[in-house]
Amino acid sequence: MSSPFTPQAVEAIKRHMNDDHADDALIIVRGLADRPEASTAMTSDVDAEGIEFTIDGGERVRVPWGRTLTERAQARQAVVDLYREACARLGLPARGEH
């Protein structure tokens, strides 16, 4: 199966996450990557199986989507799903749609 994420798509997703959703990335890392003490999280990679973050300046952690994405457009909803799941695990109220 070919990846729906071209290098350009990966860069665009990373840029969007890091520019507009850094706080959401940190919530995902704290809630779903077993790093509750993380203080920073930057999106460092994305593919059909999951999303990777660099936390606290160096460690990389990966969070699976829970399904294989077949289209780039699915990434947005997959991130929203991870964010909501992380909020639930952390006992935080989730904001509305991103």
PDB file of N, CA and C in Angstrom:
ATOM      1  N   MET A   1       0.847  -1.184   0.000  1.00  0.00           N
ATOM      2  CA  MET A   1       0.000   0.000   0.000  1.00  0.00           C
ATOM      3  C   MET A   1       0.884   1.236   0.000  1.00  0.00           C
ATOM      4  N   SER A   2       0.617   2.171  -0.863  1.00  0.00           N
ATOM      5  CA  SER A   2       1.386   3.410  -0.883  1.00  0.00           C
ATOM      6  C   SER A   2       0.855   4.351   0.184  1.00  0.00           C
ATOM      7  N   SER A   3       1.738   5.183   0.678  1.00  0.00           N
ATOM      8  CA  SER A   3       1.372   6.113   1.739  1.00  0.00           C
ATOM      9  C   SER A   3       0.600   7.293   1.164  1.00  0.00           C
ATOM     10  N   PRO A   4      -0.439   7.733   1.865  1.00  0.00           N
ATOM     11  CA  PRO A   4      -1.163   8.915   1.418  1.00  0.00           C
ATOM     12  C   PRO A   4      -0.414  10.205   1.768  1.00  0.00           C
ATOM     13  N   PHE A   5       0.724  10.062   2.431  1.00  0.00           N
ATOM     14  CA  PHE A   5       1.454  11.230   2.913  1.00  0.00           C
ATOM     15  C   PHE A   5       2.737  11.442   2.126  1.00  0.00           C
ATOM     16  N   THR A   6       2.671  12.317   1.141  1.00  0.00           N
ATOM     17  CA  THR A   6       3.865  12.710   0.415  1.00  0.00           C
ATOM     18  C   THR A   6       4.743  13.526   1.361  1.00  0.00           C
ATOM     19  N   PRO A   7       6.018  13.705   1.028  1.00  0.00           N
ATOM     20  CA  PRO A   7       6.855  14.558   1.878  1.00  0.00           C
ATOM     21  C   PRO A   7       6.262  15.960   2.061  1.00  0.00           C
ATOM     22  N   GLN A   8       5.639  16.496   1.031  1.00  0.00           N
ATOM     23  CA  GLN A   8       5.015  17.819   1.130  1.00  0.00           C
ATOM     24  C   GLN A   8       3.827  17.799   2.095  1.00  0.00           C
ATOM     25  N   ALA A   9       3.042  16.720   2.059  1.00  0.00           N
ATOM     26  CA  ALA A   9       1.903  16.599   2.961  1.00  0.00           C
ATOM     27  C   ALA A   9       2.380  16.491   4.405  1.00  0.00           C
ATOM     28  N   VAL A  10       3.418  15.705   4.637  1.00  0.00           N
ATOM     29  CA  VAL A  10       3.964  15.566   5.988  1.00  0.00           C
ATOM     30  C   VAL A  10       4.418  16.922   6.504  1.00  0.00           C
ATOM     31  N   GLU A  11       5.137  17.667   5.692  1.00  0.00           N
ATOM     32  CA  GLU A  11       5.611  18.993   6.110  1.00  0.00           C
ATOM     33  C   GLU A  11       4.448  19.931   6.403  1.00  0.00           C
ATOM     34  N   ALA A  12       3.413  19.889   5.582  1.00  0.00           N
ATOM     35  CA  ALA A  12       2.249  20.760   5.799  1.00  0.00           C
ATOM     36  C   ALA A  12       1.529  20.402   7.103  1.00  0.00           C
ATOM     37  N   ILE A  13       1.367  19.109   7.363  1.00  0.00           N
ATOM     38  CA  ILE A  13       0.711  18.676   8.599  1.00  0.00           C
ATOM     39  C   ILE A  13       1.548  19.071   9.805  1.00  0.00           C
ATOM     40  N   LYS A  14       2.850  18.835   9.750  1.00  0.00           N
ATOM     41  CA  LYS A  14       3.735  19.215  10.850  1.00  0.00           C
ATOM     42  C   LYS A  14       3.669  20.714  11.115  1.00  0.00           C
ATOM     43  N   ARG A  15       3.758  21.501  10.056  1.00  0.00           N
ATOM     44  CA  ARG A  15       3.718  22.959  10.197  1.00  0.00           C
ATOM     45  C   ARG A  15       2.396  23.402  10.835  1.00  0.00           C
ATOM     46  N   HIS A  16       1.289  22.854  10.361  1.00  0.00           N
ATOM     47  CA  HIS A  16      -0.020  23.219  10.908  1.00  0.00           C
ATOM     48  C   HIS A  16      -0.118  22.829  12.384  1.00  0.00           C
ATOM     49  N   MET A  17       0.284  21.614  12.703  1.00  0.00           N
ATOM     50  CA  MET A  17       0.226  21.168  14.096  1.00  0.00           C
ATOM     51  C   MET A  17       1.114  22.036  14.990  1.00  0.00           C
ATOM     52  N   ASN A  18       2.326  22.307  14.550  1.00  0.00           N
ATOM     53  CA  ASN A  18       3.261  23.055  15.383  1.00  0.00           C
ATOM     54  C   ASN A  18       2.906  24.537  15.477  1.00  0.00           C
ATOM     55  N   ASP A  19       2.328  25.094  14.429  1.00  0.00           N
ATOM     56  CA  ASP A  19       1.950  26.509  14.454  1.00  0.00           C
ATOM     57  C   ASP A  19       0.612  26.742  15.151  1.00  0.00           C
ATOM     58  N   ASP A  20      -0.340  25.840  14.951  1.00  0.00           N
ATOM     59  CA  ASP A  20      -1.709  26.096  15.420  1.00  0.00           C
ATOM     60  C   ASP A  20      -2.199  25.172  16.530  1.00  0.00           C
ATOM     61  N   HIS A  21      -1.534  24.045  16.747  1.00  0.00           N
ATOM     62  CA  HIS A  21      -2.064  23.067  17.698  1.00  0.00           C
ATOM     63  C   HIS A  21      -0.995  22.484  18.630  1.00  0.00           C
ATOM     64  N   ALA A  22      -0.007  23.279  18.988  1.00  0.00           N
ATOM     65  CA  ALA A  22       1.052  22.785  19.875  1.00  0.00           C
ATOM     66  C   ALA A  22       0.487  22.363  21.226  1.00  0.00           C
ATOM     67  N   ASP A  23      -0.482  23.101  21.751  1.00  0.00           N
ATOM     68  CA  ASP A  23      -1.092  22.729  23.035  1.00  0.00           C
ATOM     69  C   ASP A  23      -1.824  21.397  22.925  1.00  0.00           C
ATOM     70  N   ASP A  24      -2.495  21.163  21.797  1.00  0.00           N
ATOM     71  CA  ASP A  24      -3.196  19.900  21.582  1.00  0.00           C
ATOM     72  C   ASP A  24      -2.197  18.748  21.498  1.00  0.00           C
ATOM     73  N   ALA A  25      -1.069  18.977  20.836  1.00  0.00           N
ATOM     74  CA  ALA A  25      -0.033  17.949  20.732  1.00  0.00           C
ATOM     75  C   ALA A  25       0.462  17.560  22.124  1.00  0.00           C
ATOM     76  N   LEU A  26       0.655  18.548  22.984  1.00  0.00           N
ATOM     77  CA  LEU A  26       1.117  18.269  24.339  1.00  0.00           C
ATOM     78  C   LEU A  26       0.089  17.444  25.115  1.00  0.00           C
ATOM     79  N   ILE A  27      -1.176  17.754  24.934  1.00  0.00           N
ATOM     80  CA  ILE A  27      -2.237  16.966  25.590  1.00  0.00           C
ATOM     81  C   ILE A  27      -2.209  15.524  25.085  1.00  0.00           C
ATOM     82  N   ILE A  28      -2.040  15.348  23.775  1.00  0.00           N
ATOM     83  CA  ILE A  28      -1.970  13.994  23.206  1.00  0.00           C
ATOM     84  C   ILE A  28      -0.787  13.239  23.798  1.00  0.00           C
ATOM     85  N   VAL A  29       0.364  13.872  23.873  1.00  0.00           N
ATOM     86  CA  VAL A  29       1.552  13.226  24.434  1.00  0.00           C
ATOM     87  C   VAL A  29       1.339  12.866  25.901  1.00  0.00           C
ATOM     88  N   ARG A  30       0.803  13.801  26.669  1.00  0.00           N
ATOM     89  CA  ARG A  30       0.589  13.538  28.095  1.00  0.00           C
ATOM     90  C   ARG A  30      -0.421  12.416  28.323  1.00  0.00           C
ATOM     91  N   GLY A  31      -1.480  12.402  27.517  1.00  0.00           N
ATOM     92  CA  GLY A  31      -2.545  11.445  27.743  1.00  0.00           C
ATOM     93  C   GLY A  31      -2.378  10.104  27.068  1.00  0.00           C
ATOM     94  N   LEU A  32      -1.707  10.068  25.918  1.00  0.00           N
ATOM     95  CA  LEU A  32      -1.666   8.835  25.134  1.00  0.00           C
ATOM     96  C   LEU A  32      -0.275   8.248  24.943  1.00  0.00           C
ATOM     97  N   ALA A  33       0.765   8.994  25.288  1.00  0.00           N
ATOM     98  CA  ALA A  33       2.129   8.482  25.109  1.00  0.00           C
ATOM     99  C   ALA A  33       2.807   8.208  26.451  1.00  0.00           C
ATOM    100  N   ASP A  34       2.000   8.177  27.519  1.00  0.00           N
ATOM    101  CA  ASP A  34       2.535   7.884  28.850  1.00  0.00           C
ATOM    102  C   ASP A  34       3.670   8.821  29.246  1.00  0.00           C
ATOM    103  N   ARG A  35       3.513  10.094  28.915  1.00  0.00           N
ATOM    104  CA  ARG A  35       4.493  11.108  29.304  1.00  0.00           C
ATOM    105  C   ARG A  35       3.761  12.266  29.989  1.00  0.00           C
ATOM    106  N   PRO A  36       3.144  11.993  31.166  1.00  0.00           N
ATOM    107  CA  PRO A  36       2.329  13.028  31.818  1.00  0.00           C
ATOM    108  C   PRO A  36       3.104  14.264  32.265  1.00  0.00           C
ATOM    109  N   GLU A  37       4.414  14.146  32.383  1.00  0.00           N
ATOM    110  CA  GLU A  37       5.230  15.279  32.832  1.00  0.00           C
ATOM    111  C   GLU A  37       5.828  16.076  31.672  1.00  0.00           C
ATOM    112  N   ALA A  38       5.540  15.694  30.442  1.00  0.00           N
ATOM    113  CA  ALA A  38       6.101  16.418  29.294  1.00  0.00           C
ATOM    114  C   ALA A  38       5.713  17.894  29.364  1.00  0.00           C
ATOM    115  N   SER A  39       6.661  18.752  28.985  1.00  0.00           N
ATOM    116  CA  SER A  39       6.377  20.191  29.013  1.00  0.00           C
ATOM    117  C   SER A  39       6.304  20.802  27.616  1.00  0.00           C
ATOM    118  N   THR A  40       6.847  20.108  26.618  1.00  0.00           N
ATOM    119  CA  THR A  40       6.743  20.567  25.228  1.00  0.00           C
ATOM    120  C   THR A  40       6.541  19.360  24.322  1.00  0.00           C
ATOM    121  N   ALA A  41       5.880  19.595  23.208  1.00  0.00           N
ATOM    122  CA  ALA A  41       5.679  18.543  22.205  1.00  0.00           C
ATOM    123  C   ALA A  41       5.591  19.191  20.834  1.00  0.00           C
ATOM    124  N   MET A  42       6.475  18.778  19.952  1.00  0.00           N
ATOM    125  CA  MET A  42       6.474  19.249  18.569  1.00  0.00           C
ATOM    126  C   MET A  42       6.198  18.058  17.669  1.00  0.00           C
ATOM    127  N   THR A  43       5.294  18.228  16.706  1.00  0.00           N
ATOM    128  CA  THR A  43       5.020  17.160  15.753  1.00  0.00           C
ATOM    129  C   THR A  43       6.257  17.001  14.875  1.00  0.00           C
ATOM    130  N   SER A  44       6.791  15.777  14.828  1.00  0.00           N
ATOM    131  CA  SER A  44       8.022  15.547  14.082  1.00  0.00           C
ATOM    132  C   SER A  44       7.858  14.610  12.889  1.00  0.00           C
ATOM    133  N   ASP A  45       6.756  13.848  12.850  1.00  0.00           N
ATOM    134  CA  ASP A  45       6.519  12.972  11.701  1.00  0.00           C
ATOM    135  C   ASP A  45       5.069  12.515  11.721  1.00  0.00           C
ATOM    136  N   VAL A  46       4.610  12.085  10.583  1.00  0.00           N
ATOM    137  CA  VAL A  46       3.251  11.558  10.451  1.00  0.00           C
ATOM    138  C   VAL A  46       3.253  10.580   9.287  1.00  0.00           C
ATOM    139  N   ASP A  47       2.506   9.491   9.456  1.00  0.00           N
ATOM    140  CA  ASP A  47       2.355   8.531   8.367  1.00  0.00           C
ATOM    141  C   ASP A  47       0.992   7.872   8.495  1.00  0.00           C
ATOM    142  N   ALA A  48       0.759   6.874   7.696  1.00  0.00           N
ATOM    143  CA  ALA A  48      -0.562   6.242   7.660  1.00  0.00           C
ATOM    144  C   ALA A  48      -0.923   5.535   8.962  1.00  0.00           C
ATOM    145  N   GLU A  49       0.071   5.210   9.777  1.00  0.00           N
ATOM    146  CA  GLU A  49      -0.171   4.444  11.001  1.00  0.00           C
ATOM    147  C   GLU A  49      -0.181   5.278  12.276  1.00  0.00           C
ATOM    148  N   GLY A  50       0.414   6.482  12.248  1.00  0.00           N
ATOM    149  CA  GLY A  50       0.448   7.264  13.475  1.00  0.00           C
ATOM    150  C   GLY A  50       1.159   8.591  13.320  1.00  0.00           C
ATOM    151  N   ILE A  51       1.320   9.251  14.457  1.00  0.00           N
ATOM    152  CA  ILE A  51       1.937  10.557  14.512  1.00  0.00           C
ATOM    153  C   ILE A  51       3.052  10.520  15.546  1.00  0.00           C
ATOM    154  N   GLU A  52       4.141  11.208  15.259  1.00  0.00           N
ATOM    155  CA  GLU A  52       5.299  11.204  16.142  1.00  0.00           C
ATOM    156  C   GLU A  52       5.550  12.617  16.641  1.00  0.00           C
ATOM    157  N   PHE A  53       5.935  12.692  17.903  1.00  0.00           N
ATOM    158  CA  PHE A  53       6.235  13.970  18.529  1.00  0.00           C
ATOM    159  C   PHE A  53       7.637  13.931  19.127  1.00  0.00           C
ATOM    160  N   THR A  54       8.312  15.062  19.100  1.00  0.00           N
ATOM    161  CA  THR A  54       9.559  15.241  19.831  1.00  0.00           C
ATOM    162  C   THR A  54       9.197  16.022  21.074  1.00  0.00           C
ATOM    163  N   ILE A  55       9.523  15.455  22.220  1.00  0.00           N
ATOM    164  CA  ILE A  55       9.126  16.090  23.473  1.00  0.00           C
ATOM    165  C   ILE A  55      10.340  16.576  24.240  1.00  0.00           C
ATOM    166  N   ASP A  56      10.135  17.671  24.966  1.00  0.00           N
ATOM    167  CA  ASP A  56      11.148  18.231  25.850  1.00  0.00           C
ATOM    168  C   ASP A  56      12.527  18.294  25.204  1.00  0.00           C
ATOM    169  N   GLY A  57      12.539  18.640  23.922  1.00  0.00           N
ATOM    170  CA  GLY A  57      13.786  18.895  23.231  1.00  0.00           C
ATOM    171  C   GLY A  57      14.541  17.705  22.680  1.00  0.00           C
ATOM    172  N   GLY A  58      14.006  16.483  22.777  1.00  0.00           N
ATOM    173  CA  GLY A  58      14.785  15.394  22.227  1.00  0.00           C
ATOM    174  C   GLY A  58      14.107  14.050  22.100  1.00  0.00           C
ATOM    175  N   GLU A  59      13.444  13.583  23.132  1.00  0.00           N
ATOM    176  CA  GLU A  59      12.843  12.256  23.074  1.00  0.00           C
ATOM    177  C   GLU A  59      11.716  12.232  22.042  1.00  0.00           C
ATOM    178  N   ARG A  60      11.681  11.165  21.253  1.00  0.00           N
ATOM    179  CA  ARG A  60      10.601  10.998  20.279  1.00  0.00           C
ATOM    180  C   ARG A  60       9.627   9.947  20.781  1.00  0.00           C
ATOM    181  N   VAL A  61       8.356  10.270  20.687  1.00  0.00           N
ATOM    182  CA  VAL A  61       7.307   9.323  21.067  1.00  0.00           C
ATOM    183  C   VAL A  61       6.312   9.228  19.914  1.00  0.00           C
ATOM    184  N   ARG A  62       5.757   8.047  19.749  1.00  0.00           N
ATOM    185  CA  ARG A  62       4.824   7.801  18.652  1.00  0.00           C
ATOM    186  C   ARG A  62       3.476   7.413  19.223  1.00  0.00           C
ATOM    187  N   VAL A  63       2.431   7.967  18.620  1.00  0.00           N
ATOM    188  CA  VAL A  63       1.064   7.652  19.018  1.00  0.00           C
ATOM    189  C   VAL A  63       0.352   7.107  17.776  1.00  0.00           C
ATOM    190  N   PRO A  64      -0.133   5.876  17.834  1.00  0.00           N
ATOM    191  CA  PRO A  64      -0.825   5.300  16.672  1.00  0.00           C
ATOM    192  C   PRO A  64      -2.211   5.918  16.496  1.00  0.00           C
ATOM    193  N   TRP A  65      -2.649   5.976  15.252  1.00  0.00           N
ATOM    194  CA  TRP A  65      -3.991   6.486  14.955  1.00  0.00           C
ATOM    195  C   TRP A  65      -5.071   5.543  15.463  1.00  0.00           C
ATOM    196  N   GLY A  66      -4.761   4.258  15.514  1.00  0.00           N
ATOM    197  CA  GLY A  66      -5.774   3.266  15.859  1.00  0.00           C
ATOM    198  C   GLY A  66      -6.418   2.657  14.627  1.00  0.00           C
ATOM    199  N   ARG A  67      -6.023   3.136  13.488  1.00  0.00           N
ATOM    200  CA  ARG A  67      -6.482   2.623  12.200  1.00  0.00           C
ATOM    201  C   ARG A  67      -5.479   3.097  11.151  1.00  0.00           C
ATOM    202  N   THR A  68      -5.473   2.482  10.000  1.00  0.00           N
ATOM    203  CA  THR A  68      -4.588   2.904   8.921  1.00  0.00           C
ATOM    204  C   THR A  68      -5.298   3.964   8.088  1.00  0.00           C
ATOM    205  N   LEU A  69      -4.661   5.114   7.939  1.00  0.00           N
ATOM    206  CA  LEU A  69      -5.235   6.184   7.124  1.00  0.00           C
ATOM    207  C   LEU A  69      -4.900   5.924   5.662  1.00  0.00           C
ATOM    208  N   THR A  70      -5.867   6.150   4.808  1.00  0.00           N
ATOM    209  CA  THR A  70      -5.667   5.912   3.380  1.00  0.00           C
ATOM    210  C   THR A  70      -5.697   7.193   2.561  1.00  0.00           C
ATOM    211  N   GLU A  71      -6.087   8.307   3.197  1.00  0.00           N
ATOM    212  CA  GLU A  71      -6.135   9.601   2.520  1.00  0.00           C
ATOM    213  C   GLU A  71      -5.610  10.672   3.461  1.00  0.00           C
ATOM    214  N   ARG A  72      -4.911  11.635   2.910  1.00  0.00           N
ATOM    215  CA  ARG A  72      -4.370  12.727   3.726  1.00  0.00           C
ATOM    216  C   ARG A  72      -5.481  13.431   4.510  1.00  0.00           C
ATOM    217  N   ALA A  73      -6.641  13.591   3.909  1.00  0.00           N
ATOM    218  CA  ALA A  73      -7.742  14.312   4.561  1.00  0.00           C
ATOM    219  C   ALA A  73      -8.169  13.647   5.867  1.00  0.00           C
ATOM    220  N   GLN A  74      -7.889  12.376   6.039  1.00  0.00           N
ATOM    221  CA  GLN A  74      -8.265  11.676   7.261  1.00  0.00           C
ATOM    222  C   GLN A  74      -7.414  12.100   8.458  1.00  0.00           C
ATOM    223  N   ALA A  75      -6.268  12.692   8.212  1.00  0.00           N
ATOM    224  CA  ALA A  75      -5.364  13.063   9.302  1.00  0.00           C
ATOM    225  C   ALA A  75      -6.009  14.056  10.258  1.00  0.00           C
ATOM    226  N   ARG A  76      -6.752  15.000   9.753  1.00  0.00           N
ATOM    227  CA  ARG A  76      -7.391  15.998  10.613  1.00  0.00           C
ATOM    228  C   ARG A  76      -8.303  15.334  11.638  1.00  0.00           C
ATOM    229  N   GLN A  77      -9.192  14.469  11.168  1.00  0.00           N
ATOM    230  CA  GLN A  77     -10.112  13.804  12.093  1.00  0.00           C
ATOM    231  C   GLN A  77      -9.363  12.873  13.030  1.00  0.00           C
ATOM    232  N   ALA A  78      -8.312  12.237  12.534  1.00  0.00           N
ATOM    233  CA  ALA A  78      -7.535  11.335  13.389  1.00  0.00           C
ATOM    234  C   ALA A  78      -6.881  12.105  14.537  1.00  0.00           C
ATOM    235  N   VAL A  79      -6.372  13.305  14.260  1.00  0.00           N
ATOM    236  CA  VAL A  79      -5.780  14.127  15.322  1.00  0.00           C
ATOM    237  C   VAL A  79      -6.860  14.551  16.312  1.00  0.00           C
ATOM    238  N   VAL A  80      -8.009  14.968  15.818  1.00  0.00           N
ATOM    239  CA  VAL A  80      -9.118  15.355  16.702  1.00  0.00           C
ATOM    240  C   VAL A  80      -9.511  14.180  17.588  1.00  0.00           C
ATOM    241  N   ASP A  81      -9.579  12.977  17.018  1.00  0.00           N
ATOM    242  CA  ASP A  81      -9.923  11.794  17.803  1.00  0.00           C
ATOM    243  C   ASP A  81      -8.893  11.539  18.900  1.00  0.00           C
ATOM    244  N   LEU A  82      -7.595  11.654  18.562  1.00  0.00           N
ATOM    245  CA  LEU A  82      -6.551  11.463  19.570  1.00  0.00           C
ATOM    246  C   LEU A  82      -6.656  12.521  20.668  1.00  0.00           C
ATOM    247  N   TYR A  83      -6.877  13.761  20.258  1.00  0.00           N
ATOM    248  CA  TYR A  83      -7.003  14.859  21.228  1.00  0.00           C
ATOM    249  C   TYR A  83      -8.147  14.581  22.208  1.00  0.00           C
ATOM    250  N   ARG A  84      -9.297  14.201  21.684  1.00  0.00           N
ATOM    251  CA  ARG A  84     -10.455  13.933  22.547  1.00  0.00           C
ATOM    252  C   ARG A  84     -10.202  12.742  23.473  1.00  0.00           C
ATOM    253  N   GLU A  85      -9.565  11.702  22.955  1.00  0.00           N
ATOM    254  CA  GLU A  85      -9.243  10.539  23.780  1.00  0.00           C
ATOM    255  C   GLU A  85      -8.267  10.936  24.890  1.00  0.00           C
ATOM    256  N   ALA A  86      -7.270  11.742  24.545  1.00  0.00           N
ATOM    257  CA  ALA A  86      -6.298  12.191  25.544  1.00  0.00           C
ATOM    258  C   ALA A  86      -6.970  13.048  26.609  1.00  0.00           C
ATOM    259  N   CYS A  87      -7.845  13.947  26.199  1.00  0.00           N
ATOM    260  CA  CYS A  87      -8.577  14.770  27.166  1.00  0.00           C
ATOM    261  C   CYS A  87      -9.371  13.890  28.124  1.00  0.00           C
ATOM    262  N   ALA A  88     -10.040  12.891  27.590  1.00  0.00           N
ATOM    263  CA  ALA A  88     -10.835  11.994  28.429  1.00  0.00           C
ATOM    264  C   ALA A  88      -9.945  11.263  29.432  1.00  0.00           C
ATOM    265  N   ARG A  89      -8.809  10.789  28.984  1.00  0.00           N
ATOM    266  CA  ARG A  89      -7.896  10.076  29.885  1.00  0.00           C
ATOM    267  C   ARG A  89      -7.331  10.986  30.970  1.00  0.00           C
ATOM    268  N   LEU A  90      -7.113  12.247  30.609  1.00  0.00           N
ATOM    269  CA  LEU A  90      -6.534  13.204  31.557  1.00  0.00           C
ATOM    270  C   LEU A  90      -7.586  13.901  32.403  1.00  0.00           C
ATOM    271  N   GLY A  91      -8.860  13.667  32.097  1.00  0.00           N
ATOM    272  CA  GLY A  91      -9.930  14.326  32.832  1.00  0.00           C
ATOM    273  C   GLY A  91     -10.066  15.795  32.498  1.00  0.00           C
ATOM    274  N   LEU A  92      -9.707  16.154  31.274  1.00  0.00           N
ATOM    275  CA  LEU A  92      -9.804  17.545  30.805  1.00  0.00           C
ATOM    276  C   LEU A  92     -11.015  17.711  29.898  1.00  0.00           C
ATOM    277  N   PRO A  93     -11.640  18.876  29.932  1.00  0.00           N
ATOM    278  CA  PRO A  93     -12.717  19.120  28.973  1.00  0.00           C
ATOM    279  C   PRO A  93     -12.129  19.355  27.577  1.00  0.00           C
ATOM    280  N   ALA A  94     -12.669  18.686  26.593  1.00  0.00           N
ATOM    281  CA  ALA A  94     -12.210  18.875  25.216  1.00  0.00           C
ATOM    282  C   ALA A  94     -12.927  20.072  24.606  1.00  0.00           C
ATOM    283  N   ARG A  95     -12.173  20.865  23.863  1.00  0.00           N
ATOM    284  CA  ARG A  95     -12.792  21.954  23.107  1.00  0.00           C
ATOM    285  C   ARG A  95     -13.605  21.371  21.964  1.00  0.00           C
ATOM    286  N   GLY A  96     -14.360  22.210  21.303  1.00  0.00           N
ATOM    287  CA  GLY A  96     -15.128  21.789  20.127  1.00  0.00           C
ATOM    288  C   GLY A  96     -14.185  21.450  18.983  1.00  0.00           C
ATOM    289  N   GLU A  97     -14.714  21.314  17.812  1.00  0.00           N
ATOM    290  CA  GLU A  97     -13.921  20.994  16.628  1.00  0.00           C
ATOM    291  C   GLU A  97     -12.769  21.977  16.484  1.00  0.00           C
ATOM    292  N   HIS A  98     -11.638  21.503  16.014  1.00  0.00           N
ATOM    293  CA  HIS A  98     -10.447  22.337  15.812  1.00  0.00           C
ATOM    294  C   HIS A  98     -10.577  23.124  14.548  1.00  0.00           C
TER     295      HIS A  98
END
